[in-house]
Amino acid sequence: MIRILLLFLVVFFILLIFNNNAKKKNKNTGIYKKLIIALVIFAVIFLLATSGRFILPQILQILKIGAPFLTKFIGL
């Protein structure tokens, strides 16, 4: 788990360096911004999927407890 996190960080910093170099040369940096956003989203999804057995059941438990209160406020 730590290795994949380090890999995401290395790729993130490499993309940041490419983005800064493109800014200095006045080139289009849109592709690097999109790649950075895609990498961050993929990393978050991957971390949630691998540690989901701990995080997702807790979130679902909170939703199950909070649903009756939420419906009272909405008025359903």
Protein backbone atom coordinates (compact mmCIF):
# COMPACT_ATOMS: atom_id res chain seq x y z
CA MET A 1 0.00 0.00 0.00
CA ILE A 2 2.82 2.38 0.87
CA ARG A 3 4.63 1.54 -2.36
CA ILE A 4 1.66 2.40 -4.55
CA LEU A 5 1.15 5.64 -2.63
CA LEU A 6 4.80 6.54 -3.23
CA LEU A 7 4.36 5.71 -6.91
CA PHE A 8 1.36 8.06 -7.13
CA LEU A 9 3.38 10.80 -5.44
CA VAL A 10 6.35 10.37 -7.79
CA VAL A 11 4.12 10.49 -10.87
CA PHE A 12 2.30 13.52 -9.42
CA PHE A 13 5.56 15.42 -8.91
CA ILE A 14 6.82 14.48 -12.38
CA LEU A 15 3.61 15.86 -13.89
CA LEU A 16 4.01 19.03 -11.83
CA ILE A 17 7.55 19.48 -13.17
CA PHE A 18 6.33 18.99 -16.75
CA ASN A 19 3.53 21.47 -16.10
CA ASN A 20 5.97 24.09 -14.79
CA ASN A 21 8.32 23.57 -17.74
CA ALA A 22 5.44 24.00 -20.17
CA LYS A 23 4.43 27.24 -18.41
CA LYS A 24 7.96 28.58 -18.77
CA LYS A 25 7.95 27.82 -22.50
CA ASN A 26 4.45 29.33 -22.89
CA LYS A 27 3.01 26.08 -24.19
CA ASN A 28 -0.43 24.65 -23.52
CA THR A 29 -0.49 23.24 -19.97
CA GLY A 30 -4.07 21.98 -20.13
CA ILE A 31 -3.08 18.39 -20.80
CA TYR A 32 -0.86 18.27 -17.71
CA LYS A 33 -3.60 19.73 -15.53
CA LYS A 34 -6.04 17.11 -16.79
CA LEU A 35 -3.51 14.33 -16.18
CA ILE A 36 -2.85 15.58 -12.64
CA ILE A 37 -6.57 15.70 -11.86
CA ALA A 38 -7.10 12.24 -13.36
CA LEU A 39 -4.17 10.86 -11.32
CA VAL A 40 -5.52 12.32 -8.09
CA ILE A 41 -9.01 10.96 -8.74
CA PHE A 42 -7.62 7.53 -9.63
CA ALA A 43 -5.45 7.51 -6.50
CA VAL A 44 -8.39 8.38 -4.25
CA ILE A 45 -10.59 5.74 -5.86
CA PHE A 46 -7.82 3.16 -5.59
CA LEU A 47 -7.19 3.92 -1.93
CA LEU A 48 -10.91 3.76 -1.15
CA ALA A 49 -11.19 0.45 -2.99
CA THR A 50 -8.24 -1.13 -1.19
CA SER A 51 -9.17 0.10 2.24
CA GLY A 52 -12.90 0.00 1.55
CA ARG A 53 -13.51 -2.81 3.97
CA PHE A 54 -12.84 -0.30 6.73
CA ILE A 55 -14.10 3.00 5.31
CA LEU A 56 -17.15 2.17 3.22
CA PRO A 57 -19.05 0.13 5.85
CA GLN A 58 -18.62 2.98 8.34
CA ILE A 59 -19.98 5.50 5.82
CA LEU A 60 -22.94 3.23 5.06
CA GLN A 61 -23.60 2.80 8.79
CA ILE A 62 -23.66 6.58 9.25
CA LEU A 63 -26.06 6.93 6.32
CA LYS A 64 -28.30 4.21 7.74
CA ILE A 65 -28.46 5.95 11.09
CA GLY A 66 -28.88 9.43 9.59
CA ALA A 67 -31.49 8.58 6.95
CA PRO A 68 -34.54 8.84 9.28
CA PHE A 69 -33.41 12.24 10.53
CA LEU A 70 -32.76 13.43 7.00
CA THR A 71 -36.20 12.39 5.80
CA LYS A 72 -37.83 14.27 8.70
CA PHE A 73 -36.05 17.46 7.66
CA ILE A 74 -36.89 17.04 3.98
CA GLY A 75 -40.52 16.27 4.78
CA LEU A 76 -40.92 13.02 2.90
